[in-house]
């Protein structure tokens, strides 16, 4: 998903051992029959008994762009939506293992095409029951072109009848069936899909209340959620503060522990540091979707004998990159894009990030369970070479460079520093790049039109499979919302579409590597860093753990007496 480097809150593990386990992952494919555990699945991070009650205060460096799961496809929105809504399945603790959530159990047919979910006894906050139609309604919303949902490409044409519904040729999705009086949901796929359960764990495919959806406008729903989650939105002051309160009727008994969570919009890193030192907030730099602790706060924390003991680090399953428009403007020329690759000093950009990253040379990060290539082909490998950059620009018809615009958001000072550094590097090879900086929500909306000539962005995995980077961001059918560089290559599309339906294994991985090599040779992106997440966690905040695929399971967090 697209990363707002300042506002994604994902759990921090309370031990280095568990951090390593989270990165290594566990089983990447569930069995054909699975049943929900009878107790909460969060791993124990302390021997102490959890304490109920209390308020957790967190600084948030920007408003939530969306509270509606059909629109949520950025790390900021995820933070809220995953507290308000539940999906059929989720991840177990800090692992990559899929387990049931609103489905109490599920089965998969021998041919891998029919999924049957037996629903748990759960209710929405308004008391309405969760039924199969709760999910069918949400799938229909995702496939409604009016909503421009980033989730559409994950199920169309995967689910039988999805494309006919999306294109307006059918009024229902034939592959979705409500059975057993609405207590069972059956999903039929066009063909076997090795990542389908991962897809269902994404917020797009949450249960929604059909009557609530029918009775309110989409704009209203986007600010006034009606979910099943462990917390509900009790109140909010637009762009200022959001109060999440405990759902006393949550279908998983015994959780959440907190009474409420208060998110306050605070774009000042110095104020954020002060609040943490004063003990007013539970975490500092809690956004696993970015670099975590703000640059100007990092040294004061890691150099402190007290606070350095509260800092955690982990290489994320994420890639920071400069996106290049492949359809319009000078960057539509592959020689221009390759020239810009050679113009960028990635080691210097890592220094700009305070060393909290590794230099990137490809799309797939090294922390992904599969897909990363130890050595790329020569035509897909770039080094810092301004002289070669100038030569390629001249060959492309731009001997004196050109003028363009780089877009970035204003929620994190690091974003502007990186963009300014890139601007300077481009200037050295004759390219004048003006900077357009805006709020995260505005930047994201503009980015998803596919019209930005250049942009500074990052991507963190939705699920542990290379398809989430390569298919989501480079398949022609993902333009412009996800594939916002507007990259299109029939050979790459064929590789991605073929791999999508293959069973997990070496043959499938090799197709993704072939696709990545072509994409890198054509310089659709300039991947420049694999971010290292850092966060400081108060010693009295218990129950945190890291799952690389989702934001915080805040229902497991509790506050110890202090």
Protein backbone atom coordinates (compact mmCIF):
# COMPACT_ATOMS: atom_id res chain seq x y z
CA UNK A 1 0.00 0.00 0.00
CA UNK A 2 1.08 3.59 -0.48
CA UNK A 3 2.98 4.83 2.51
CA UNK A 4 2.40 8.06 4.31
CA UNK A 5 5.81 8.08 5.93
CA UNK A 6 4.55 9.89 8.98
CA UNK A 7 1.32 8.29 10.01
CA UNK A 8 1.24 4.56 9.75
CA UNK A 9 1.07 2.98 13.18
CA UNK A 10 2.12 -0.65 13.19
CA UNK A 11 3.04 -2.61 16.26
CA UNK A 12 6.52 -2.72 17.68
CA UNK A 13 7.73 -6.00 19.06
CA UNK A 14 8.93 -6.14 22.61
CA UNK A 15 11.83 -8.45 21.85
CA UNK A 16 14.53 -8.67 19.23
CA UNK A 17 13.84 -12.37 18.82
CA UNK A 18 10.23 -11.75 17.87
CA UNK A 19 11.28 -9.04 15.44
CA UNK A 20 13.47 -11.56 13.66
CA UNK A 21 10.65 -14.07 13.57
CA UNK A 22 8.33 -11.52 12.06
CA UNK A 23 10.77 -10.82 9.27
CA UNK A 24 11.43 -14.46 8.57
CA UNK A 25 7.72 -15.18 8.51
CA UNK A 26 5.99 -18.45 9.08
CA UNK A 27 3.70 -20.51 6.88
CA UNK A 28 2.75 -18.49 3.82
CA UNK A 29 -0.21 -20.62 2.83
CA UNK A 30 -2.99 -21.86 5.11
CA UNK A 31 -4.48 -25.32 4.93
CA UNK A 32 -7.61 -26.08 2.96
CA UNK A 33 -9.63 -26.18 6.16
CA UNK A 34 -9.13 -23.69 8.92
CA UNK A 35 -10.92 -22.83 12.12
CA UNK A 36 -10.63 -19.79 14.32
CA UNK A 37 -8.68 -20.14 17.55
CA UNK A 38 -10.81 -19.95 20.66
CA UNK A 39 -8.57 -17.35 22.32
CA UNK A 40 -7.02 -14.10 21.12
CA UNK A 41 -4.04 -14.69 18.86
CA UNK A 42 -1.70 -11.92 19.99
CA UNK A 43 1.61 -13.31 21.23
CA UNK A 44 2.49 -12.69 24.83
CA UNK A 45 5.01 -9.89 25.19
CA UNK A 46 5.10 -9.85 28.95
CA UNK A 47 4.40 -12.20 31.78
CA UNK A 48 2.20 -9.64 33.50
CA UNK A 49 -1.58 -9.90 33.47
CA UNK A 50 -3.17 -7.37 31.08
CA UNK A 51 -4.90 -4.44 32.71
CA UNK A 52 -8.27 -3.23 31.46
CA UNK A 53 -9.08 0.45 31.05
CA UNK A 54 -7.17 3.62 30.38
CA UNK A 55 -6.67 6.03 27.49
CA UNK A 56 -3.84 5.80 24.99
CA UNK A 57 -2.85 9.14 23.48
CA UNK A 58 -1.05 9.20 20.15
CA UNK A 59 0.24 12.07 18.03
CA UNK A 60 -0.86 11.83 14.41
CA UNK A 61 0.95 13.92 11.78
CA UNK A 62 -2.01 14.41 9.46
CA UNK A 63 -5.69 13.67 9.06
CA UNK A 64 -7.02 10.23 8.15
CA UNK A 65 -7.72 10.47 4.40
CA UNK A 66 -10.44 7.79 4.53
CA UNK A 67 -12.48 5.94 7.15
CA UNK A 68 -14.33 3.88 4.54
CA UNK A 69 -12.73 0.50 3.74
CA UNK A 70 -13.68 0.77 0.06
CA UNK A 71 -11.37 3.79 -0.25
CA UNK A 72 -8.65 2.91 2.26
CA UNK A 73 -5.41 2.19 0.47
CA UNK A 74 -2.78 4.13 2.34
CA UNK A 75 -1.10 3.49 5.64
CA UNK A 76 -2.82 6.37 7.42
CA UNK A 77 -6.31 5.22 6.49
CA UNK A 78 -5.41 1.62 7.36
CA UNK A 79 -4.69 2.64 10.93
CA UNK A 80 -8.27 3.72 11.48
CA UNK A 81 -10.13 1.30 9.23
CA UNK A 82 -8.56 -1.80 10.80
CA UNK A 83 -9.77 -0.64 14.22
CA UNK A 84 -13.31 -0.06 12.95
CA UNK A 85 -13.86 -3.04 10.65
CA UNK A 86 -13.14 -6.76 10.44
CA UNK A 87 -12.47 -9.04 7.51
CA UNK A 88 -13.20 -12.72 6.92
CA UNK A 89 -9.62 -13.63 7.79
CA UNK A 90 -6.59 -11.98 9.34
CA UNK A 91 -2.97 -12.69 10.32
CA UNK A 92 -1.95 -14.62 13.39
CA UNK A 93 0.19 -12.52 15.67
CA UNK A 94 3.53 -11.55 14.16
CA UNK A 95 3.45 -14.19 11.44
CA UNK A 96 2.36 -14.50 7.82
CA UNK A 97 -0.13 -17.22 8.75
CA UNK A 98 -3.76 -16.56 7.81
CA UNK A 99 -6.43 -17.43 10.38
CA UNK A 100 -10.21 -16.85 10.49
CA UNK A 101 -11.64 -13.58 11.82
CA UNK A 102 -15.32 -12.82 11.09
CA UNK A 103 -15.39 -16.28 9.54
CA UNK A 104 -15.33 -18.75 12.40
CA UNK A 105 -13.95 -21.31 9.96
CA UNK A 106 -13.55 -21.84 6.24
CA UNK A 107 -12.94 -24.58 3.67
CA UNK A 108 -11.33 -24.58 0.22
CA UNK A 109 -12.42 -27.01 -2.49
CA UNK A 110 -9.86 -29.51 -3.88
CA UNK A 111 -9.59 -27.55 -7.13
CA UNK A 112 -8.78 -24.38 -5.18
CA UNK A 113 -11.62 -22.39 -6.72
CA UNK A 114 -14.45 -22.50 -4.16
CA UNK A 115 -14.04 -20.90 -0.72
CA UNK A 116 -16.77 -21.43 1.87
CA UNK A 117 -16.79 -19.18 4.95
CA UNK A 118 -18.92 -19.99 7.99
CA UNK A 119 -19.55 -16.67 9.71
CA UNK A 120 -19.05 -15.90 13.38
CA UNK A 121 -21.88 -14.51 15.49
CA UNK A 122 -20.98 -10.83 15.26
CA UNK A 123 -22.83 -7.53 15.14
CA UNK A 124 -22.24 -4.03 13.90
CA UNK A 125 -22.11 -1.21 16.42
CA UNK A 126 -25.78 -0.43 15.69
CA UNK A 127 -26.78 -3.99 16.64
CA UNK A 128 -27.40 -5.28 13.12
CA UNK A 129 -26.04 -8.81 12.55
CA UNK A 130 -23.17 -9.66 10.22
CA UNK A 131 -24.39 -11.82 7.33
CA UNK A 132 -23.03 -13.01 4.01
CA UNK A 133 -24.69 -9.97 2.44
CA UNK A 134 -22.44 -7.76 4.60
CA UNK A 135 -19.51 -8.96 2.54
CA UNK A 136 -21.34 -9.16 -0.79
CA UNK A 137 -22.31 -5.49 -0.42
CA UNK A 138 -18.69 -4.53 0.17
CA UNK A 139 -17.44 -6.55 -2.81
CA UNK A 140 -20.02 -4.76 -4.94
CA UNK A 141 -18.80 -1.40 -3.66
CA UNK A 142 -15.20 -2.29 -4.46
CA UNK A 143 -16.25 -3.25 -7.99
CA UNK A 144 -18.39 -0.16 -8.53
CA UNK A 145 -16.37 2.10 -10.88
CA UNK A 146 -17.86 5.17 -9.19
CA UNK A 147 -15.82 4.40 -6.06
CA UNK A 148 -12.47 4.06 -7.88
CA UNK A 149 -11.43 1.55 -5.22
CA UNK A 150 -7.84 0.38 -5.12
CA UNK A 151 -9.21 -3.04 -4.23
CA UNK A 152 -10.87 -3.61 -7.60
CA UNK A 153 -7.78 -5.11 -9.24
CA UNK A 154 -7.36 -7.64 -6.44
CA UNK A 155 -10.67 -9.40 -7.22
CA UNK A 156 -11.39 -8.49 -10.87
CA UNK A 157 -11.31 -10.77 -12.82
CA UNK A 158 -10.36 -13.22 -10.04
CA UNK A 159 -13.88 -13.78 -8.65
CA UNK A 160 -16.35 -15.32 -11.07
CA UNK A 161 -18.63 -12.61 -12.46
CA UNK A 162 -16.54 -9.76 -11.08
CA UNK A 163 -15.65 -8.30 -14.46
CA UNK A 164 -19.23 -8.50 -15.73
CA UNK A 165 -20.37 -6.57 -12.64
CA UNK A 166 -17.56 -4.01 -12.91
CA UNK A 167 -18.26 -3.38 -16.59
CA UNK A 168 -22.00 -2.99 -15.99
CA UNK A 169 -23.03 -6.16 -17.83
CA UNK A 170 -24.42 -7.84 -14.70
CA UNK A 171 -26.35 -6.61 -11.68
CA UNK A 172 -24.89 -9.23 -9.33
CA UNK A 173 -21.54 -10.98 -8.88
CA UNK A 174 -22.16 -14.58 -9.85
CA UNK A 175 -19.23 -15.89 -7.80
CA UNK A 176 -20.67 -14.64 -4.50
CA UNK A 177 -23.42 -16.65 -2.81
CA UNK A 178 -25.24 -16.25 0.49
CA UNK A 179 -26.06 -19.70 1.92
CA UNK A 180 -27.64 -21.15 5.05
CA UNK A 181 -29.85 -18.14 5.72
CA UNK A 182 -26.96 -15.70 5.37
CA UNK A 183 -24.73 -17.52 7.85
CA UNK A 184 -22.40 -18.81 5.14
CA UNK A 185 -20.61 -16.99 2.32
CA UNK A 186 -19.39 -18.91 -0.71
CA UNK A 187 -16.87 -17.36 -3.10
CA UNK A 188 -16.08 -18.99 -6.44
CA UNK A 189 -12.96 -17.98 -8.36
CA UNK A 190 -12.33 -18.16 -12.08
CA UNK A 191 -9.24 -20.22 -11.34
CA UNK A 192 -6.95 -21.08 -8.45
CA UNK A 193 -5.32 -18.03 -6.85
CA UNK A 194 -2.39 -18.64 -4.46
CA UNK A 195 -2.79 -15.29 -2.68
CA UNK A 196 -6.57 -15.01 -2.43
CA UNK A 197 -6.71 -15.45 1.35
CA UNK A 198 -4.12 -12.70 1.73
CA UNK A 199 -6.33 -10.47 -0.39
CA UNK A 200 -9.33 -11.15 1.84
CA UNK A 201 -7.35 -9.93 4.85
CA UNK A 202 -7.12 -6.45 3.31
CA UNK A 203 -9.43 -3.71 4.66
CA UNK A 204 -11.16 -3.33 1.27
CA UNK A 205 -13.03 -6.56 1.95
CA UNK A 206 -14.46 -5.75 5.37
CA UNK A 207 -17.98 -6.50 6.50
CA UNK A 208 -20.27 -3.49 6.09
CA UNK A 209 -23.88 -3.01 7.16
CA UNK A 210 -25.95 -3.08 3.93
CA UNK A 211 -28.78 -0.98 5.38
CA UNK A 212 -26.32 1.64 6.63
CA UNK A 213 -24.62 1.76 3.24
CA UNK A 214 -27.98 2.11 1.47
CA UNK A 215 -29.11 4.88 3.80
CA UNK A 216 -26.12 7.21 3.57
CA UNK A 217 -24.03 8.91 0.94
CA UNK A 218 -20.51 7.71 0.18
CA UNK A 219 -19.07 10.99 1.45
CA UNK A 220 -20.91 10.57 4.77
CA UNK A 221 -19.73 6.97 5.19
CA UNK A 222 -16.15 8.07 4.59
CA UNK A 223 -16.24 10.16 7.77
CA UNK A 224 -18.82 8.25 9.81
CA UNK A 225 -17.95 4.53 9.88
CA UNK A 226 -20.29 1.73 10.95
CA UNK A 227 -18.26 -1.37 11.62
CA UNK A 228 -17.79 -4.43 13.78
CA UNK A 229 -14.30 -3.60 15.04
CA UNK A 230 -12.83 -3.47 18.54
CA UNK A 231 -13.14 0.32 18.61
CA UNK A 232 -15.76 2.71 17.29
CA UNK A 233 -15.44 6.38 16.38
CA UNK A 234 -16.94 8.21 19.35
CA UNK A 235 -16.17 11.72 18.16
CA UNK A 236 -13.88 13.70 15.93
CA UNK A 237 -12.89 17.27 15.23
CA UNK A 238 -12.08 17.50 11.50
CA UNK A 239 -8.33 17.56 10.91
CA UNK A 240 -7.69 17.87 14.65
CA UNK A 241 -8.65 14.92 16.82
CA UNK A 242 -10.29 11.48 16.66
CA UNK A 243 -11.53 9.56 19.70
CA UNK A 244 -11.82 5.78 19.38
CA UNK A 245 -13.79 4.08 22.17
CA UNK A 246 -13.94 0.43 23.16
CA UNK A 247 -16.65 -1.67 21.53
CA UNK A 248 -18.22 -3.40 24.59
CA UNK A 249 -19.92 -5.97 22.33
CA UNK A 250 -16.87 -6.99 20.28
CA UNK A 251 -17.30 -10.53 18.97
CA UNK A 252 -13.89 -11.63 20.28
CA UNK A 253 -14.38 -11.90 24.02
CA UNK A 254 -11.87 -10.38 26.43
CA UNK A 255 -10.55 -7.66 24.15
CA UNK A 256 -9.88 -4.80 23.67
CA UNK A 257 -8.19 -3.79 26.90
CA UNK A 258 -8.12 -0.02 26.44
CA UNK A 259 -11.16 2.15 27.07
CA UNK A 260 -10.20 4.62 24.38
CA UNK A 261 -7.52 5.84 21.99
CA UNK A 262 -7.16 9.53 21.21
CA UNK A 263 -5.37 10.52 18.00
CA UNK A 264 -4.35 14.19 17.88
CA UNK A 265 -3.13 15.82 14.70
CA UNK A 266 0.33 17.18 15.45
CA UNK A 267 2.70 18.01 12.61
CA UNK A 268 5.51 19.29 14.85
CA UNK A 269 8.29 16.72 15.47
CA UNK A 270 9.66 18.77 18.37
CA UNK A 271 6.25 18.78 20.04
CA UNK A 272 5.92 15.07 19.37
CA UNK A 273 9.27 14.45 21.09
CA UNK A 274 8.27 16.62 24.05
CA UNK A 275 4.97 14.80 24.47
CA UNK A 276 6.77 11.46 24.47
CA UNK A 277 9.37 12.59 27.01
CA UNK A 278 6.62 13.94 29.23
CA UNK A 279 4.90 10.56 29.08
CA UNK A 280 1.81 12.04 27.45
CA UNK A 281 1.93 9.74 24.42
CA UNK A 282 2.57 6.01 24.20
CA UNK A 283 4.88 5.94 21.21
CA UNK A 284 7.24 8.15 19.26
CA UNK A 285 7.58 7.59 15.53
CA UNK A 286 5.08 4.77 15.56
CA UNK A 287 4.54 4.71 11.80
CA UNK A 288 5.98 1.42 10.55
CA UNK A 289 4.96 2.58 7.08
CA UNK A 290 7.75 5.15 7.18
CA UNK A 291 11.04 5.65 8.96
CA UNK A 292 9.42 6.04 12.36
CA UNK A 293 11.09 8.53 14.66
CA UNK A 294 11.38 11.90 12.87
CA UNK A 295 14.90 12.78 11.76
CA UNK A 296 15.33 15.71 14.14
CA UNK A 297 14.15 13.58 17.07
CA UNK A 298 16.22 10.52 16.24
CA UNK A 299 19.62 11.51 17.67
CA UNK A 300 18.20 12.99 20.91
CA UNK A 301 16.47 9.66 21.48
CA UNK A 302 19.17 7.17 20.48
CA UNK A 303 21.90 9.15 22.29
CA UNK A 304 19.90 9.26 25.50
CA UNK A 305 20.83 6.60 28.10
CA UNK A 306 17.16 6.45 29.11
CA UNK A 307 15.28 6.59 25.84
CA UNK A 308 17.73 4.59 23.73
CA UNK A 309 16.61 1.47 25.62
CA UNK A 310 13.08 2.07 24.32
CA UNK A 311 14.06 2.15 20.62
CA UNK A 312 13.33 -0.69 18.21
CA UNK A 313 14.56 -1.09 14.63
CA UNK A 314 13.57 -3.36 11.76
CA UNK A 315 14.07 -3.34 7.98
CA UNK A 316 10.63 -2.96 6.50
CA UNK A 317 9.06 -4.91 3.65
CA UNK A 318 8.89 -1.63 1.78
CA UNK A 319 10.58 0.37 -0.97
CA UNK A 320 10.93 4.13 -1.27
CA UNK A 321 11.09 5.36 -4.84
CA UNK A 322 10.81 8.21 -7.31
CA UNK A 323 7.96 7.43 -9.68
CA UNK A 324 8.37 8.45 -13.32
CA UNK A 325 5.39 8.97 -15.60
CA UNK A 326 5.74 6.45 -18.42
CA UNK A 327 2.94 7.87 -20.57
CA UNK A 328 3.35 11.62 -20.93
CA UNK A 329 6.14 14.20 -20.92
CA UNK A 330 9.88 13.63 -21.29
CA UNK A 331 9.79 10.62 -18.94
CA UNK A 332 7.67 8.73 -21.47
CA UNK A 333 11.02 8.19 -23.21
CA UNK A 334 12.84 5.16 -21.75
CA UNK A 335 16.24 6.77 -22.36
CA UNK A 336 15.18 9.74 -20.24
CA UNK A 337 14.06 7.44 -17.44
CA UNK A 338 17.31 5.49 -17.56
CA UNK A 339 19.24 8.76 -17.54
CA UNK A 340 17.43 9.83 -14.38
CA UNK A 341 18.33 6.49 -12.73
CA UNK A 342 22.01 7.22 -13.34
CA UNK A 343 21.59 10.78 -12.03
CA UNK A 344 20.56 9.69 -8.54
CA UNK A 345 23.08 9.01 -5.78
CA UNK A 346 21.19 6.54 -3.61
CA UNK A 347 23.90 6.24 -0.96
CA UNK A 348 23.62 9.98 -0.39
CA UNK A 349 19.83 9.70 -0.05
CA UNK A 350 20.33 7.09 2.66
CA UNK A 351 22.49 9.65 4.50
CA UNK A 352 19.68 12.20 4.11
CA UNK A 353 17.49 9.67 5.93
CA UNK A 354 19.97 9.59 8.77
CA UNK A 355 21.17 6.12 7.87
CA UNK A 356 17.75 4.68 8.68
CA UNK A 357 17.53 2.85 5.36
CA UNK A 358 19.43 0.59 2.96
CA UNK A 359 20.13 1.73 -0.62
CA UNK A 360 17.67 0.12 -3.04
CA UNK A 361 18.53 -1.37 -6.41
CA UNK A 362 15.23 -3.08 -7.28
CA UNK A 363 11.50 -3.04 -6.65
CA UNK A 364 11.22 -6.06 -4.32
CA UNK A 365 12.80 -5.39 -0.90
CA UNK A 366 15.24 -7.92 0.59
CA UNK A 367 12.89 -8.53 3.52
CA UNK A 368 10.21 -9.99 1.22
CA UNK A 369 9.99 -13.80 1.69
CA UNK A 370 10.50 -14.32 -2.06
CA UNK A 371 11.19 -12.32 -5.21
CA UNK A 372 14.29 -10.37 -4.21
CA UNK A 373 17.21 -10.91 -6.60
CA UNK A 374 20.74 -11.10 -5.26
CA UNK A 375 22.09 -9.98 -8.64
CA UNK A 376 20.19 -8.19 -11.38
CA UNK A 377 21.05 -8.39 -15.11
CA UNK A 378 23.41 -5.70 -16.36
CA UNK A 379 20.66 -3.83 -18.26
CA UNK A 380 18.60 -3.63 -15.06
CA UNK A 381 21.47 -2.40 -12.88
CA UNK A 382 22.25 1.28 -12.31
CA UNK A 383 25.01 3.15 -10.56
CA UNK A 384 25.51 6.82 -9.82
CA UNK A 385 26.91 8.15 -13.11
CA UNK A 386 25.99 11.77 -13.96
CA UNK A 387 28.13 11.73 -17.11
CA UNK A 388 26.20 8.77 -18.50
CA UNK A 389 22.97 10.45 -17.47
CA UNK A 390 23.84 13.51 -19.59
CA UNK A 391 24.80 11.32 -22.52
CA UNK A 392 21.48 9.44 -22.43
CA UNK A 393 19.53 12.69 -22.15
CA UNK A 394 21.28 13.97 -25.27
CA UNK A 395 20.49 10.74 -27.11
CA UNK A 396 16.86 11.12 -26.08
CA UNK A 397 16.74 14.61 -27.64
CA UNK A 398 17.29 16.63 -24.45
CA UNK A 399 20.93 17.78 -24.66
CA UNK A 400 20.08 20.78 -22.48
CA UNK A 401 17.74 18.92 -20.18
CA UNK A 402 14.10 19.83 -19.57
CA UNK A 403 11.80 21.24 -16.90
CA UNK A 404 9.46 19.05 -14.87
CA UNK A 405 7.74 18.81 -11.47
CA UNK A 406 8.31 16.41 -8.56
CA UNK A 407 5.32 15.89 -6.28
CA UNK A 408 5.60 14.98 -2.60
CA UNK A 409 3.55 15.27 0.59
CA UNK A 410 4.23 17.60 3.50
CA UNK A 411 3.55 15.28 6.44
CA UNK A 412 7.19 14.34 6.99
CA UNK A 413 10.21 16.66 6.71
CA UNK A 414 12.23 13.72 5.34
CA UNK A 415 10.03 13.67 2.25
CA UNK A 416 10.95 17.24 1.38
CA UNK A 417 14.64 16.67 2.17
CA UNK A 418 14.77 13.68 -0.14
CA UNK A 419 12.86 15.52 -2.86
CA UNK A 420 15.18 18.53 -2.58
CA UNK A 421 18.22 16.24 -2.78
CA UNK A 422 16.82 14.61 -5.91
CA UNK A 423 16.07 18.06 -7.31
CA UNK A 424 19.73 19.02 -6.83
CA UNK A 425 20.99 15.80 -8.45
CA UNK A 426 18.75 16.32 -11.47
CA UNK A 427 19.89 19.92 -11.75
CA UNK A 428 23.47 18.65 -12.04
CA UNK A 429 22.55 16.80 -15.26
CA UNK A 430 20.53 19.69 -16.69
CA UNK A 431 17.02 18.80 -15.53
CA UNK A 432 15.08 21.51 -13.70
CA UNK A 433 12.58 19.91 -11.32
CA UNK A 434 10.14 22.18 -9.50
CA UNK A 435 8.71 20.78 -6.26
CA UNK A 436 4.96 20.60 -5.61
CA UNK A 437 4.30 19.77 -1.97
CA UNK A 438 0.82 19.23 -0.51
CA UNK A 439 -1.00 17.41 2.26
CA UNK A 440 -0.98 13.61 2.19
CA UNK A 441 -4.63 13.42 1.18
CA UNK A 442 -4.24 15.93 -1.64
CA UNK A 443 -1.02 14.34 -2.83
CA UNK A 444 -2.58 10.87 -2.82
CA UNK A 445 -5.66 12.01 -4.74
CA UNK A 446 -3.50 13.65 -7.39
CA UNK A 447 -1.16 10.68 -7.57
CA UNK A 448 -3.99 8.28 -8.31
CA UNK A 449 -4.91 10.17 -11.47
CA UNK A 450 -1.67 9.07 -13.13
CA UNK A 451 -0.87 12.64 -14.14
CA UNK A 452 2.11 13.44 -11.92
CA UNK A 453 5.30 13.61 -14.06
CA UNK A 454 7.51 12.62 -11.10
CA UNK A 455 6.70 11.84 -7.48
CA UNK A 456 8.33 10.74 -4.24
CA UNK A 457 6.44 7.83 -2.72
CA UNK A 458 6.89 4.48 -1.03
CA UNK A 459 5.16 1.13 -1.00
CA UNK A 460 4.82 -1.30 1.89
CA UNK A 461 3.52 -4.79 1.34
CA UNK A 462 -0.17 -5.61 1.61
CA UNK A 463 0.68 -9.29 1.84
CA UNK A 464 3.89 -11.35 1.70
CA UNK A 465 4.08 -12.10 -2.01
CA UNK A 466 5.99 -10.39 -4.87
CA UNK A 467 2.74 -9.99 -6.80
CA UNK A 468 1.74 -7.28 -4.34
CA UNK A 469 4.57 -5.08 -5.61
CA UNK A 470 4.82 -6.14 -9.22
CA UNK A 471 1.24 -6.89 -10.26
CA UNK A 472 -0.32 -4.14 -8.19
CA UNK A 473 2.05 -1.41 -9.30
CA UNK A 474 3.00 -2.35 -12.86
CA UNK A 475 0.20 -4.35 -14.48
CA UNK A 476 -1.55 -2.30 -17.16
CA UNK A 477 -4.92 -3.14 -15.62
CA UNK A 478 -3.91 -1.32 -12.42
CA UNK A 479 -3.62 2.10 -14.07
CA UNK A 480 -3.98 4.80 -12.78
CA UNK A 481 -4.98 4.28 -9.12
CA UNK A 482 -2.29 1.76 -8.17
CA UNK A 483 -0.05 1.90 -11.25
CA UNK A 484 0.30 5.66 -11.02
CA UNK A 485 3.43 5.73 -13.21
CA UNK A 486 1.14 4.54 -16.03
CA UNK A 487 3.65 1.82 -16.94
CA UNK A 488 2.40 -0.59 -19.62
CA UNK A 489 4.20 -3.50 -21.25
CA UNK A 490 2.34 -6.46 -22.83
CA UNK A 491 5.24 -8.84 -22.11
CA UNK A 492 5.23 -7.86 -18.43
CA UNK A 493 1.43 -8.13 -18.26
CA UNK A 494 1.66 -11.68 -19.65
CA UNK A 495 4.27 -12.71 -17.08
CA UNK A 496 2.29 -11.19 -14.21
CA UNK A 497 -1.03 -12.66 -15.32
CA UNK A 498 0.50 -16.10 -15.79
CA UNK A 499 2.26 -16.06 -12.42
CA UNK A 500 -0.92 -14.92 -10.67
CA UNK A 501 -2.58 -18.26 -11.29
CA UNK A 502 0.38 -20.53 -10.60
CA UNK A 503 0.93 -22.38 -7.32
CA UNK A 504 3.55 -20.92 -5.00
CA UNK A 505 7.06 -22.12 -5.79
CA UNK A 506 10.23 -21.58 -7.78
CA UNK A 507 8.59 -21.53 -11.22
CA UNK A 508 6.20 -18.78 -10.14
CA UNK A 509 8.97 -16.80 -8.45
CA UNK A 510 11.05 -16.93 -11.62
CA UNK A 511 8.26 -15.31 -13.64
CA UNK A 512 8.13 -12.44 -11.17
CA UNK A 513 11.91 -12.04 -11.39
CA UNK A 514 11.67 -11.90 -15.20
CA UNK A 515 8.98 -9.22 -14.90
CA UNK A 516 11.04 -7.20 -12.44
CA UNK A 517 14.10 -7.36 -14.69
CA UNK A 518 12.14 -5.95 -17.64
CA UNK A 519 10.59 -3.20 -15.51
CA UNK A 520 13.96 -2.22 -14.05
CA UNK A 521 15.59 -2.22 -17.50
CA UNK A 522 12.91 0.27 -18.56
CA UNK A 523 13.33 2.37 -15.40
CA UNK A 524 9.66 2.79 -14.57
CA UNK A 525 10.77 3.65 -11.04
CA UNK A 526 13.89 4.90 -9.34
CA UNK A 527 13.90 2.73 -6.19
CA UNK A 528 16.26 4.49 -3.79
CA UNK A 529 15.84 3.06 -0.28
CA UNK A 530 14.54 0.19 1.81
CA UNK A 531 13.44 1.99 4.98
CA UNK A 532 14.50 0.89 8.44
CA UNK A 533 11.71 1.41 10.91
CA UNK A 534 12.56 2.97 14.26
CA UNK A 535 10.21 3.68 17.12
CA UNK A 536 10.36 4.48 20.79
CA UNK A 537 7.80 2.72 22.98
CA UNK A 538 6.97 3.74 26.53
CA UNK A 539 7.91 1.01 29.05
CA UNK A 540 4.35 1.11 30.40
CA UNK A 541 2.76 0.33 27.02
CA UNK A 542 2.38 -3.43 26.82
CA UNK A 543 1.13 -5.97 24.29
CA UNK A 544 2.70 -4.55 21.14
CA UNK A 545 3.95 -6.80 18.38
CA UNK A 546 4.87 -6.35 14.76
CA UNK A 547 3.10 -7.96 11.84
CA UNK A 548 4.68 -6.89 8.53
CA UNK A 549 1.35 -7.04 6.71
CA UNK A 550 -1.02 -4.93 8.81
CA UNK A 551 -1.21 -1.97 11.13
CA UNK A 552 -1.47 -2.20 14.88
CA UNK A 553 -3.69 -4.74 16.57
CA UNK A 554 -4.61 -2.09 19.14
CA UNK A 555 -7.15 -4.40 20.74
CA UNK A 556 -4.20 -6.23 22.36
CA UNK A 557 -2.49 -3.13 23.75
CA UNK A 558 -2.74 -2.32 27.43
CA UNK A 559 -1.29 0.21 29.85
CA UNK A 560 0.59 -0.99 32.92
CA UNK A 561 0.45 0.92 36.16
CA UNK A 562 3.23 3.49 36.29
